[in-house]
Amino acid sequence: MYCTHCGAELAEEAEICPACGCATENYKSTADSKKKTPDILRFIAKIVMIVTCAVEGMAVIPLCWMLPMTLHYNKCLEENIPVSLAFKICTIIFVNVAAGVLMIVADELE
């Protein structure tokens, strides 16, 4: 078994990685489950942004800002980079209200 965070080899019964200190998949705590809620909301926001781009793709002008914003948000999620409040408000205004609200709520839950 290997750590999903750093890749170090783990004992099968390990709850915490000795190399990086991260909880393993075997270790389930209430803190871990609370952390998953914001991640789920961010994932839903990402899906809503992608669907909005696909639906609004017929209008080329809005797609010029919706697509780069969606790609930027996806990159931030993949690299675990925080997204600014300004970006979230711009998402509400220019892309999709639901996606922007989900982004804001996800950060408030952390």
PDB file of N, CA and C in Angstrom:
ATOM      1  N   MET A   1       0.849  -1.165   0.000  1.00  0.00           N
ATOM      2  CA  MET A   1       0.000   0.000   0.000  1.00  0.00           C
ATOM      3  C   MET A   1       0.899   1.234   0.000  1.00  0.00           C
ATOM      4  N   TYR A   2       0.481   2.271  -0.756  1.00  0.00           N
ATOM      5  CA  TYR A   2       1.267   3.484  -0.891  1.00  0.00           C
ATOM      6  C   TYR A   2       0.442   4.708  -0.500  1.00  0.00           C
ATOM      7  N   CYS A   3       1.116   5.731   0.000  1.00  0.00           N
ATOM      8  CA  CYS A   3       0.466   6.987   0.381  1.00  0.00           C
ATOM      9  C   CYS A   3      -0.022   7.694  -0.882  1.00  0.00           C
ATOM     10  N   THR A   4      -1.254   8.140  -0.880  1.00  0.00           N
ATOM     11  CA  THR A   4      -1.805   8.836  -2.052  1.00  0.00           C
ATOM     12  C   THR A   4      -1.267  10.261  -2.151  1.00  0.00           C
ATOM     13  N   HIS A   5      -0.656  10.759  -1.088  1.00  0.00           N
ATOM     14  CA  HIS A   5      -0.141  12.121  -1.112  1.00  0.00           C
ATOM     15  C   HIS A   5       1.315  12.182  -1.563  1.00  0.00           C
ATOM     16  N   CYS A   6       2.181  11.358  -0.928  1.00  0.00           N
ATOM     17  CA  CYS A   6       3.611  11.442  -1.240  1.00  0.00           C
ATOM     18  C   CYS A   6       4.168  10.208  -1.954  1.00  0.00           C
ATOM     19  N   GLY A   7       3.413   9.110  -1.970  1.00  0.00           N
ATOM     20  CA  GLY A   7       3.851   7.902  -2.666  1.00  0.00           C
ATOM     21  C   GLY A   7       4.707   6.964  -1.837  1.00  0.00           C
ATOM     22  N   ALA A   8       4.904   7.287  -0.557  1.00  0.00           N
ATOM     23  CA  ALA A   8       5.724   6.422   0.304  1.00  0.00           C
ATOM     24  C   ALA A   8       5.004   5.098   0.562  1.00  0.00           C
ATOM     25  N   GLU A   9       5.795   4.048   0.728  1.00  0.00           N
ATOM     26  CA  GLU A   9       5.220   2.733   1.020  1.00  0.00           C
ATOM     27  C   GLU A   9       4.707   2.712   2.456  1.00  0.00           C
ATOM     28  N   LEU A  10       3.527   2.127   2.657  1.00  0.00           N
ATOM     29  CA  LEU A  10       2.873   2.093   3.958  1.00  0.00           C
ATOM     30  C   LEU A  10       2.609   0.666   4.396  1.00  0.00           C
ATOM     31  N   ALA A  11       2.585   0.479   5.707  1.00  0.00           N
ATOM     32  CA  ALA A  11       2.117  -0.789   6.248  1.00  0.00           C
ATOM     33  C   ALA A  11       0.608  -0.851   6.035  1.00  0.00           C
ATOM     34  N   GLU A  12       0.070  -2.052   5.887  1.00  0.00           N
ATOM     35  CA  GLU A  12      -1.346  -2.201   5.560  1.00  0.00           C
ATOM     36  C   GLU A  12      -2.267  -1.608   6.620  1.00  0.00           C
ATOM     37  N   GLU A  13      -1.872  -1.660   7.877  1.00  0.00           N
ATOM     38  CA  GLU A  13      -2.720  -1.147   8.949  1.00  0.00           C
ATOM     39  C   GLU A  13      -2.445   0.323   9.272  1.00  0.00           C
ATOM     40  N   ALA A  14      -1.562   0.975   8.525  1.00  0.00           N
ATOM     41  CA  ALA A  14      -1.185   2.363   8.807  1.00  0.00           C
ATOM     42  C   ALA A  14      -2.372   3.306   8.640  1.00  0.00           C
ATOM     43  N   GLU A  15      -2.500   4.204   9.617  1.00  0.00           N
ATOM     44  CA  GLU A  15      -3.544   5.214   9.552  1.00  0.00           C
ATOM     45  C   GLU A  15      -2.977   6.554   9.117  1.00  0.00           C
ATOM     46  N   ILE A  16      -1.694   6.753   9.382  1.00  0.00           N
ATOM     47  CA  ILE A  16      -1.018   7.995   9.025  1.00  0.00           C
ATOM     48  C   ILE A  16       0.301   7.656   8.353  1.00  0.00           C
ATOM     49  N   CYS A  17       0.622   8.356   7.280  1.00  0.00           N
ATOM     50  CA  CYS A  17       1.867   8.128   6.548  1.00  0.00           C
ATOM     51  C   CYS A  17       3.041   8.607   7.401  1.00  0.00           C
ATOM     52  N   PRO A  18       4.040   7.750   7.620  1.00  0.00           N
ATOM     53  CA  PRO A  18       5.198   8.167   8.424  1.00  0.00           C
ATOM     54  C   PRO A  18       6.072   9.186   7.698  1.00  0.00           C
ATOM     55  N   ALA A  19       5.990   9.236   6.368  1.00  0.00           N
ATOM     56  CA  ALA A  19       6.834  10.151   5.606  1.00  0.00           C
ATOM     57  C   ALA A  19       6.281  11.573   5.574  1.00  0.00           C
ATOM     58  N   CYS A  20       4.981  11.723   5.325  1.00  0.00           N
ATOM     59  CA  CYS A  20       4.420  13.067   5.171  1.00  0.00           C
ATOM     60  C   CYS A  20       3.394  13.430   6.230  1.00  0.00           C
ATOM     61  N   GLY A  21       2.904  12.452   6.998  1.00  0.00           N
ATOM     62  CA  GLY A  21       1.948  12.738   8.061  1.00  0.00           C
ATOM     63  C   GLY A  21       0.501  12.819   7.622  1.00  0.00           C
ATOM     64  N   CYS A  22       0.219  12.532   6.373  1.00  0.00           N
ATOM     65  CA  CYS A  22      -1.160  12.584   5.883  1.00  0.00           C
ATOM     66  C   CYS A  22      -1.926  11.323   6.296  1.00  0.00           C
ATOM     67  N   ALA A  23      -3.224  11.474   6.482  1.00  0.00           N
ATOM     68  CA  ALA A  23      -4.076  10.330   6.804  1.00  0.00           C
ATOM     69  C   ALA A  23      -4.177   9.432   5.576  1.00  0.00           C
ATOM     70  N   THR A  24      -4.185   8.124   5.812  1.00  0.00           N
ATOM     71  CA  THR A  24      -4.308   7.190   4.709  1.00  0.00           C
ATOM     72  C   THR A  24      -5.772   6.934   4.413  1.00  0.00           C
ATOM     73  N   GLU A  25      -6.042   6.200   3.357  1.00  0.00           N
ATOM     74  CA  GLU A  25      -7.415   5.866   2.979  1.00  0.00           C
ATOM     75  C   GLU A  25      -8.101   5.015   4.038  1.00  0.00           C
ATOM     76  N   ASN A  26      -7.326   4.244   4.799  1.00  0.00           N
ATOM     77  CA  ASN A  26      -7.910   3.395   5.839  1.00  0.00           C
ATOM     78  C   ASN A  26      -8.423   4.203   7.020  1.00  0.00           C
ATOM     79  N   TYR A  27      -7.887   5.402   7.196  1.00  0.00           N
ATOM     80  CA  TYR A  27      -8.221   6.218   8.365  1.00  0.00           C
ATOM     81  C   TYR A  27      -9.349   7.173   8.003  1.00  0.00           C
ATOM     82  N   LYS A  28     -10.496   6.975   8.581  1.00  0.00           N
ATOM     83  CA  LYS A  28     -11.663   7.813   8.329  1.00  0.00           C
ATOM     84  C   LYS A  28     -12.016   8.544   9.615  1.00  0.00           C
ATOM     85  N   SER A  29     -11.936   9.838   9.594  1.00  0.00           N
ATOM     86  CA  SER A  29     -12.306  10.614  10.771  1.00  0.00           C
ATOM     87  C   SER A  29     -13.363  11.628  10.390  1.00  0.00           C
ATOM     88  N   THR A  30     -13.972  12.240  11.373  1.00  0.00           N
ATOM     89  CA  THR A  30     -14.982  13.258  11.078  1.00  0.00           C
ATOM     90  C   THR A  30     -14.341  14.449  10.409  1.00  0.00           C
ATOM     91  N   ALA A  31     -13.093  14.735  10.728  1.00  0.00           N
ATOM     92  CA  ALA A  31     -12.401  15.841  10.071  1.00  0.00           C
ATOM     93  C   ALA A  31     -12.249  15.557   8.586  1.00  0.00           C
ATOM     94  N   ASP A  32     -11.942  14.299   8.229  1.00  0.00           N
ATOM     95  CA  ASP A  32     -11.817  13.933   6.824  1.00  0.00           C
ATOM     96  C   ASP A  32     -13.145  14.073   6.097  1.00  0.00           C
ATOM     97  N   SER A  33     -14.230  13.643   6.717  1.00  0.00           N
ATOM     98  CA  SER A  33     -15.526  13.727   6.051  1.00  0.00           C
ATOM     99  C   SER A  33     -15.973  15.174   5.900  1.00  0.00           C
ATOM    100  N   LYS A  34     -15.620  16.028   6.880  1.00  0.00           N
ATOM    101  CA  LYS A  34     -15.959  17.444   6.759  1.00  0.00           C
ATOM    102  C   LYS A  34     -15.140  18.097   5.657  1.00  0.00           C
ATOM    103  N   LYS A  35     -13.906  17.635   5.457  1.00  0.00           N
ATOM    104  CA  LYS A  35     -13.065  18.193   4.417  1.00  0.00           C
ATOM    105  C   LYS A  35     -13.579  17.817   3.038  1.00  0.00           C
ATOM    106  N   LYS A  36     -14.232  16.675   2.915  1.00  0.00           N
ATOM    107  CA  LYS A  36     -14.718  16.227   1.618  1.00  0.00           C
ATOM    108  C   LYS A  36     -15.876  17.078   1.110  1.00  0.00           C
ATOM    109  N   THR A  37     -16.678  17.654   1.993  1.00  0.00           N
ATOM    110  CA  THR A  37     -17.827  18.446   1.566  1.00  0.00           C
ATOM    111  C   THR A  37     -17.412  19.624   0.694  1.00  0.00           C
ATOM    112  N   PRO A  38     -16.439  20.460   1.096  1.00  0.00           N
ATOM    113  CA  PRO A  38     -16.018  21.542   0.206  1.00  0.00           C
ATOM    114  C   PRO A  38     -15.472  21.029  -1.118  1.00  0.00           C
ATOM    115  N   ASP A  39     -14.752  19.904  -1.097  1.00  0.00           N
ATOM    116  CA  ASP A  39     -14.231  19.340  -2.336  1.00  0.00           C
ATOM    117  C   ASP A  39     -15.351  18.919  -3.267  1.00  0.00           C
ATOM    118  N   ILE A  40     -16.406  18.349  -2.720  1.00  0.00           N
ATOM    119  CA  ILE A  40     -17.557  17.952  -3.533  1.00  0.00           C
ATOM    120  C   ILE A  40     -18.227  19.179  -4.128  1.00  0.00           C
ATOM    121  N   LEU A  41     -18.376  20.236  -3.324  1.00  0.00           N
ATOM    122  CA  LEU A  41     -18.995  21.465  -3.828  1.00  0.00           C
ATOM    123  C   LEU A  41     -18.146  22.088  -4.929  1.00  0.00           C
ATOM    124  N   ARG A  42     -16.827  22.054  -4.774  1.00  0.00           N
ATOM    125  CA  ARG A  42     -15.950  22.589  -5.827  1.00  0.00           C
ATOM    126  C   ARG A  42     -16.072  21.760  -7.101  1.00  0.00           C
ATOM    127  N   PHE A  43     -16.166  20.448  -6.956  1.00  0.00           N
ATOM    128  CA  PHE A  43     -16.338  19.579  -8.118  1.00  0.00           C
ATOM    129  C   PHE A  43     -17.651  19.885  -8.834  1.00  0.00           C
ATOM    130  N   ILE A  44     -18.721  20.070  -8.075  1.00  0.00           N
ATOM    131  CA  ILE A  44     -20.019  20.399  -8.678  1.00  0.00           C
ATOM    132  C   ILE A  44     -19.939  21.745  -9.386  1.00  0.00           C
ATOM    133  N   ALA A  45     -19.259  22.722  -8.776  1.00  0.00           N
ATOM    134  CA  ALA A  45     -19.093  24.029  -9.410  1.00  0.00           C
ATOM    135  C   ALA A  45     -18.354  23.885 -10.739  1.00  0.00           C
ATOM    136  N   LYS A  46     -17.332  23.041 -10.754  1.00  0.00           N
ATOM    137  CA  LYS A  46     -16.573  22.799 -11.986  1.00  0.00           C
ATOM    138  C   LYS A  46     -17.468  22.203 -13.063  1.00  0.00           C
ATOM    139  N   ILE A  47     -18.280  21.223 -12.695  1.00  0.00           N
ATOM    140  CA  ILE A  47     -19.189  20.588 -13.660  1.00  0.00           C
ATOM    141  C   ILE A  47     -20.206  21.595 -14.182  1.00  0.00           C
ATOM    142  N   VAL A  48     -20.754  22.430 -13.293  1.00  0.00           N
ATOM    143  CA  VAL A  48     -21.732  23.441 -13.706  1.00  0.00           C
ATOM    144  C   VAL A  48     -21.093  24.416 -14.690  1.00  0.00           C
ATOM    145  N   MET A  49     -19.844  24.807 -14.433  1.00  0.00           N
ATOM    146  CA  MET A  49     -19.161  25.718 -15.360  1.00  0.00           C
ATOM    147  C   MET A  49     -18.944  25.065 -16.720  1.00  0.00           C
ATOM    148  N   ILE A  50     -18.573  23.806 -16.719  1.00  0.00           N
ATOM    149  CA  ILE A  50     -18.357  23.096 -17.993  1.00  0.00           C
ATOM    150  C   ILE A  50     -19.665  22.981 -18.770  1.00  0.00           C
ATOM    151  N   VAL A  51     -20.736  22.609 -18.076  1.00  0.00           N
ATOM    152  CA  VAL A  51     -22.043  22.485 -18.736  1.00  0.00           C
ATOM    153  C   VAL A  51     -22.501  23.839 -19.274  1.00  0.00           C
ATOM    154  N   THR A  52     -22.284  24.900 -18.506  1.00  0.00           N
ATOM    155  CA  THR A  52     -22.666  26.236 -18.963  1.00  0.00           C
ATOM    156  C   THR A  52     -21.908  26.609 -20.222  1.00  0.00           C
ATOM    157  N   CYS A  53     -20.618  26.296 -20.267  1.00  0.00           N
ATOM    158  CA  CYS A  53     -19.837  26.576 -21.481  1.00  0.00           C
ATOM    159  C   CYS A  53     -20.385  25.808 -22.672  1.00  0.00           C
ATOM    160  N   ALA A  54     -20.757  24.558 -22.439  1.00  0.00           N
ATOM    161  CA  ALA A  54     -21.286  23.743 -23.536  1.00  0.00           C
ATOM    162  C   ALA A  54     -22.629  24.271 -24.020  1.00  0.00           C
ATOM    163  N   VAL A  55     -23.489  24.653 -23.091  1.00  0.00           N
ATOM    164  CA  VAL A  55     -24.818  25.138 -23.461  1.00  0.00           C
ATOM    165  C   VAL A  55     -24.734  26.508 -24.124  1.00  0.00           C
ATOM    166  N   GLU A  56     -23.894  27.372 -23.569  1.00  0.00           N
ATOM    167  CA  GLU A  56     -23.762  28.722 -24.104  1.00  0.00           C
ATOM    168  C   GLU A  56     -22.774  28.794 -25.261  1.00  0.00           C
ATOM    169  N   GLY A  57     -22.232  27.683 -25.677  1.00  0.00           N
ATOM    170  CA  GLY A  57     -21.248  27.652 -26.744  1.00  0.00           C
ATOM    171  C   GLY A  57     -21.741  28.160 -28.071  1.00  0.00           C
ATOM    172  N   MET A  58     -23.056  28.198 -28.244  1.00  0.00           N
ATOM    173  CA  MET A  58     -23.611  28.711 -29.494  1.00  0.00           C
ATOM    174  C   MET A  58     -23.366  30.211 -29.628  1.00  0.00           C
ATOM    175  N   ALA A  59     -23.292  30.908 -28.508  1.00  0.00           N
ATOM    176  CA  ALA A  59     -22.995  32.339 -28.517  1.00  0.00           C
ATOM    177  C   ALA A  59     -21.490  32.499 -28.334  1.00  0.00           C
ATOM    178  N   VAL A  60     -20.798  32.853 -29.388  1.00  0.00           N
ATOM    179  CA  VAL A  60     -19.339  32.865 -29.394  1.00  0.00           C
ATOM    180  C   VAL A  60     -18.774  33.926 -28.445  1.00  0.00           C
ATOM    181  N   ILE A  61     -19.386  35.091 -28.368  1.00  0.00           N
ATOM    182  CA  ILE A  61     -18.839  36.167 -27.538  1.00  0.00           C
ATOM    183  C   ILE A  61     -18.771  35.775 -26.057  1.00  0.00           C
ATOM    184  N   PRO A  62     -19.868  35.285 -25.429  1.00  0.00           N
ATOM    185  CA  PRO A  62     -19.735  34.882 -24.022  1.00  0.00           C
ATOM    186  C   PRO A  62     -18.745  33.727 -23.815  1.00  0.00           C
ATOM    187  N   LEU A  63     -18.617  32.875 -24.791  1.00  0.00           N
ATOM    188  CA  LEU A  63     -17.695  31.751 -24.672  1.00  0.00           C
ATOM    189  C   LEU A  63     -16.249  32.233 -24.558  1.00  0.00           C
ATOM    190  N   CYS A  64     -15.962  33.421 -25.081  1.00  0.00           N
ATOM    191  CA  CYS A  64     -14.603  33.978 -25.030  1.00  0.00           C
ATOM    192  C   CYS A  64     -14.131  34.227 -23.603  1.00  0.00           C
ATOM    193  N   TRP A  65     -15.021  34.482 -22.665  1.00  0.00           N
ATOM    194  CA  TRP A  65     -14.595  34.640 -21.269  1.00  0.00           C
ATOM    195  C   TRP A  65     -15.004  33.455 -20.408  1.00  0.00           C
ATOM    196  N   MET A  66     -16.049  32.751 -20.785  1.00  0.00           N
ATOM    197  CA  MET A  66     -16.496  31.617 -19.977  1.00  0.00           C
ATOM    198  C   MET A  66     -15.500  30.457 -20.045  1.00  0.00           C
ATOM    199  N   LEU A  67     -15.006  30.178 -21.209  1.00  0.00           N
ATOM    200  CA  LEU A  67     -14.077  29.061 -21.376  1.00  0.00           C
ATOM    201  C   LEU A  67     -12.755  29.294 -20.627  1.00  0.00           C
ATOM    202  N   PRO A  68     -12.110  30.461 -20.762  1.00  0.00           N
ATOM    203  CA  PRO A  68     -10.875  30.668 -19.988  1.00  0.00           C
ATOM    204  C   PRO A  68     -11.104  30.644 -18.475  1.00  0.00           C
ATOM    205  N   MET A  69     -12.239  31.156 -18.026  1.00  0.00           N
ATOM    206  CA  MET A  69     -12.526  31.125 -16.593  1.00  0.00           C
ATOM    207  C   MET A  69     -12.710  29.689 -16.112  1.00  0.00           C
ATOM    208  N   THR A  70     -13.384  28.878 -16.907  1.00  0.00           N
ATOM    209  CA  THR A  70     -13.594  27.474 -16.552  1.00  0.00           C
ATOM    210  C   THR A  70     -12.264  26.721 -16.524  1.00  0.00           C
ATOM    211  N   LEU A  71     -11.422  26.956 -17.512  1.00  0.00           N
ATOM    212  CA  LEU A  71     -10.114  26.294 -17.553  1.00  0.00           C
ATOM    213  C   LEU A  71      -9.237  26.741 -16.379  1.00  0.00           C
ATOM    214  N   HIS A  72      -9.297  28.024 -16.030  1.00  0.00           N
ATOM    215  CA  HIS A  72      -8.523  28.525 -14.894  1.00  0.00           C
ATOM    216  C   HIS A  72      -8.993  27.866 -13.593  1.00  0.00           C
ATOM    217  N   TYR A  73     -10.295  27.768 -13.413  1.00  0.00           N
ATOM    218  CA  TYR A  73     -10.825  27.160 -12.197  1.00  0.00           C
ATOM    219  C   TYR A  73     -10.423  25.687 -12.115  1.00  0.00           C
ATOM    220  N   ASN A  74     -10.496  24.987 -13.234  1.00  0.00           N
ATOM    221  CA  ASN A  74     -10.088  23.585 -13.271  1.00  0.00           C
ATOM    222  C   ASN A  74      -8.612  23.436 -12.886  1.00  0.00           C
ATOM    223  N   LYS A  75      -7.765  24.316 -13.409  1.00  0.00           N
ATOM    224  CA  LYS A  75      -6.336  24.272 -13.082  1.00  0.00           C
ATOM    225  C   LYS A  75      -6.121  24.537 -11.590  1.00  0.00           C
ATOM    226  N   CYS A  76      -6.851  25.500 -11.043  1.00  0.00           N
ATOM    227  CA  CYS A  76      -6.732  25.797  -9.608  1.00  0.00           C
ATOM    228  C   CYS A  76      -7.134  24.598  -8.765  1.00  0.00           C
ATOM    229  N   LEU A  77      -8.168  23.881  -9.168  1.00  0.00           N
ATOM    230  CA  LEU A  77      -8.589  22.696  -8.421  1.00  0.00           C
ATOM    231  C   LEU A  77      -7.547  21.591  -8.503  1.00  0.00           C
ATOM    232  N   GLU A  78      -7.000  21.375  -9.692  1.00  0.00           N
ATOM    233  CA  GLU A  78      -6.014  20.316  -9.868  1.00  0.00           C
ATOM    234  C   GLU A  78      -4.734  20.590  -9.093  1.00  0.00           C
ATOM    235  N   GLU A  79      -4.310  21.859  -9.026  1.00  0.00           N
ATOM    236  CA  GLU A  79      -3.056  22.208  -8.378  1.00  0.00           C
ATOM    237  C   GLU A  79      -3.252  22.702  -6.941  1.00  0.00           C
ATOM    238  N   ASN A  80      -4.492  22.638  -6.462  1.00  0.00           N
ATOM    239  CA  ASN A  80      -4.838  23.047  -5.099  1.00  0.00           C
ATOM    240  C   ASN A  80      -4.434  24.495  -4.825  1.00  0.00           C
ATOM    241  N   ILE A  81      -4.725  25.378  -5.785  1.00  0.00           N
ATOM    242  CA  ILE A  81      -4.452  26.804  -5.670  1.00  0.00           C
ATOM    243  C   ILE A  81      -5.749  27.496  -5.235  1.00  0.00           C
ATOM    244  N   PRO A  82      -5.692  28.356  -4.225  1.00  0.00           N
ATOM    245  CA  PRO A  82      -6.915  29.045  -3.807  1.00  0.00           C
ATOM    246  C   PRO A  82      -7.411  30.006  -4.891  1.00  0.00           C
ATOM    247  N   VAL A  83      -8.719  30.142  -4.970  1.00  0.00           N
ATOM    248  CA  VAL A  83      -9.344  31.032  -5.952  1.00  0.00           C
ATOM    249  C   VAL A  83      -9.794  32.287  -5.215  1.00  0.00           C
ATOM    250  N   SER A  84      -9.534  33.443  -5.803  1.00  0.00           N
ATOM    251  CA  SER A  84      -9.854  34.701  -5.135  1.00  0.00           C
ATOM    252  C   SER A  84     -11.357  34.956  -5.108  1.00  0.00           C
ATOM    253  N   LEU A  85     -11.769  35.790  -4.180  1.00  0.00           N
ATOM    254  CA  LEU A  85     -13.169  36.179  -4.088  1.00  0.00           C
ATOM    255  C   LEU A  85     -13.602  36.926  -5.344  1.00  0.00           C
ATOM    256  N   ALA A  86     -12.700  37.715  -5.916  1.00  0.00           N
ATOM    257  CA  ALA A  86     -13.012  38.441  -7.151  1.00  0.00           C
ATOM    258  C   ALA A  86     -13.352  37.470  -8.283  1.00  0.00           C
ATOM    259  N   PHE A  87     -12.586  36.386  -8.383  1.00  0.00           N
ATOM    260  CA  PHE A  87     -12.865  35.384  -9.420  1.00  0.00           C
ATOM    261  C   PHE A  87     -14.232  34.752  -9.203  1.00  0.00           C
ATOM    262  N   LYS A  88     -14.566  34.477  -7.934  1.00  0.00           N
ATOM    263  CA  LYS A  88     -15.856  33.859  -7.625  1.00  0.00           C
ATOM    264  C   LYS A  88     -17.001  34.795  -7.977  1.00  0.00           C
ATOM    265  N   ILE A  89     -16.838  36.083  -7.692  1.00  0.00           N
ATOM    266  CA  ILE A  89     -17.878  37.053  -8.034  1.00  0.00           C
ATOM    267  C   ILE A  89     -17.990  37.191  -9.546  1.00  0.00           C
ATOM    268  N   CYS A  90     -16.873  37.203 -10.243  1.00  0.00           N
ATOM    269  CA  CYS A  90     -16.909  37.253 -11.716  1.00  0.00           C
ATOM    270  C   CYS A  90     -17.574  36.004 -12.288  1.00  0.00           C
ATOM    271  N   THR A  91     -17.371  34.869 -11.632  1.00  0.00           N
ATOM    272  CA  THR A  91     -18.041  33.646 -12.071  1.00  0.00           C
ATOM    273  C   THR A  91     -19.547  33.799 -11.931  1.00  0.00           C
ATOM    274  N   ILE A  92     -19.987  34.377 -10.820  1.00  0.00           N
ATOM    275  CA  ILE A  92     -21.418  34.619 -10.621  1.00  0.00           C
ATOM    276  C   ILE A  92     -21.956  35.522 -11.726  1.00  0.00           C
ATOM    277  N   ILE A  93     -21.225  36.577 -12.067  1.00  0.00           N
ATOM    278  CA  ILE A  93     -21.697  37.561 -13.051  1.00  0.00           C
ATOM    279  C   ILE A  93     -21.590  37.051 -14.479  1.00  0.00           C
ATOM    280  N   PHE A  94     -20.448  36.459 -14.822  1.00  0.00           N
ATOM    281  CA  PHE A  94     -20.170  36.173 -16.227  1.00  0.00           C
ATOM    282  C   PHE A  94     -20.350  34.724 -16.668  1.00  0.00           C
ATOM    283  N   VAL A  95     -20.366  33.776 -15.731  1.00  0.00           N
ATOM    284  CA  VAL A  95     -20.470  32.375 -16.139  1.00  0.00           C
ATOM    285  C   VAL A  95     -21.779  31.768 -15.656  1.00  0.00           C
ATOM    286  N   ASN A  96     -21.899  31.547 -14.352  1.00  0.00           N
ATOM    287  CA  ASN A  96     -23.082  30.881 -13.823  1.00  0.00           C
ATOM    288  C   ASN A  96     -23.220  31.217 -12.347  1.00  0.00           C
ATOM    289  N   VAL A  97     -24.403  31.640 -11.958  1.00  0.00           N
ATOM    290  CA  VAL A  97     -24.650  32.022 -10.566  1.00  0.00           C
ATOM    291  C   VAL A  97     -24.426  30.834  -9.632  1.00  0.00           C
ATOM    292  N   ALA A  98     -24.957  29.687  -9.985  1.00  0.00           N
ATOM    293  CA  ALA A  98     -24.845  28.512  -9.119  1.00  0.00           C
ATOM    294  C   ALA A  98     -23.386  28.120  -8.899  1.00  0.00           C
ATOM    295  N   ALA A  99     -22.575  28.152  -9.946  1.00  0.00           N
ATOM    296  CA  ALA A  99     -21.161  27.782  -9.814  1.00  0.00           C
ATOM    297  C   ALA A  99     -20.435  28.742  -8.887  1.00  0.00           C
ATOM    298  N   GLY A 100     -20.675  30.030  -9.037  1.00  0.00           N
ATOM    299  CA  GLY A 100     -20.032  31.015  -8.177  1.00  0.00           C
ATOM    300  C   GLY A 100     -20.440  30.872  -6.723  1.00  0.00           C
ATOM    301  N   VAL A 101     -21.720  30.633  -6.485  1.00  0.00           N
ATOM    302  CA  VAL A 101     -22.200  30.455  -5.119  1.00  0.00           C
ATOM    303  C   VAL A 101     -21.598  29.195  -4.503  1.00  0.00           C
ATOM    304  N   LEU A 102     -21.508  28.113  -5.270  1.00  0.00           N
ATOM    305  CA  LEU A 102     -20.896  26.883  -4.760  1.00  0.00           C
ATOM    306  C   LEU A 102     -19.434  27.102  -4.375  1.00  0.00           C
ATOM    307  N   MET A 103     -18.719  27.904  -5.156  1.00  0.00           N
ATOM    308  CA  MET A 103     -17.326  28.201  -4.836  1.00  0.00           C
ATOM    309  C   MET A 103     -17.230  28.941  -3.495  1.00  0.00           C
ATOM    310  N   ILE A 104     -18.101  29.919  -3.313  1.00  0.00           N
ATOM    311  CA  ILE A 104     -18.072  30.709  -2.078  1.00  0.00           C
ATOM    312  C   ILE A 104     -18.447  29.844  -0.875  1.00  0.00           C
ATOM    313  N   VAL A 105     -19.485  29.038  -1.017  1.00  0.00           N
ATOM    314  CA  VAL A 105     -19.943  28.178   0.083  1.00  0.00           C
ATOM    315  C   VAL A 105     -18.862  27.157   0.439  1.00  0.00           C
ATOM    316  N   ALA A 106     -18.182  26.613  -0.557  1.00  0.00           N
ATOM    317  CA  ALA A 106     -17.133  25.615  -0.292  1.00  0.00           C
ATOM    318  C   ALA A 106     -16.044  26.198   0.592  1.00  0.00           C
ATOM    319  N   ASP A 107     -15.651  27.444   0.330  1.00  0.00           N
ATOM    320  CA  ASP A 107     -14.614  28.063   1.147  1.00  0.00           C
ATOM    321  C   ASP A 107     -15.108  28.386   2.553  1.00  0.00           C
ATOM    322  N   GLU A 108     -16.375  28.697   2.691  1.00  0.00           N
ATOM    323  CA  GLU A 108     -16.924  28.997   4.014  1.00  0.00           C
ATOM    324  C   GLU A 108     -17.002  27.743   4.887  1.00  0.00           C
ATOM    325  N   LEU A 109     -17.091  26.565   4.289  1.00  0.00           N
ATOM    326  CA  LEU A 109     -17.179  25.325   5.048  1.00  0.00           C
ATOM    327  C   LEU A 109     -15.826  24.857   5.579  1.00  0.00           C
ATOM    328  N   GLU A 110     -14.758  25.416   5.052  1.00  0.00           N
ATOM    329  CA  GLU A 110     -13.419  24.987   5.509  1.00  0.00           C
ATOM    330  C   GLU A 110     -13.042  25.654   6.793  1.00  0.00           C
TER     331      GLU A 110
END
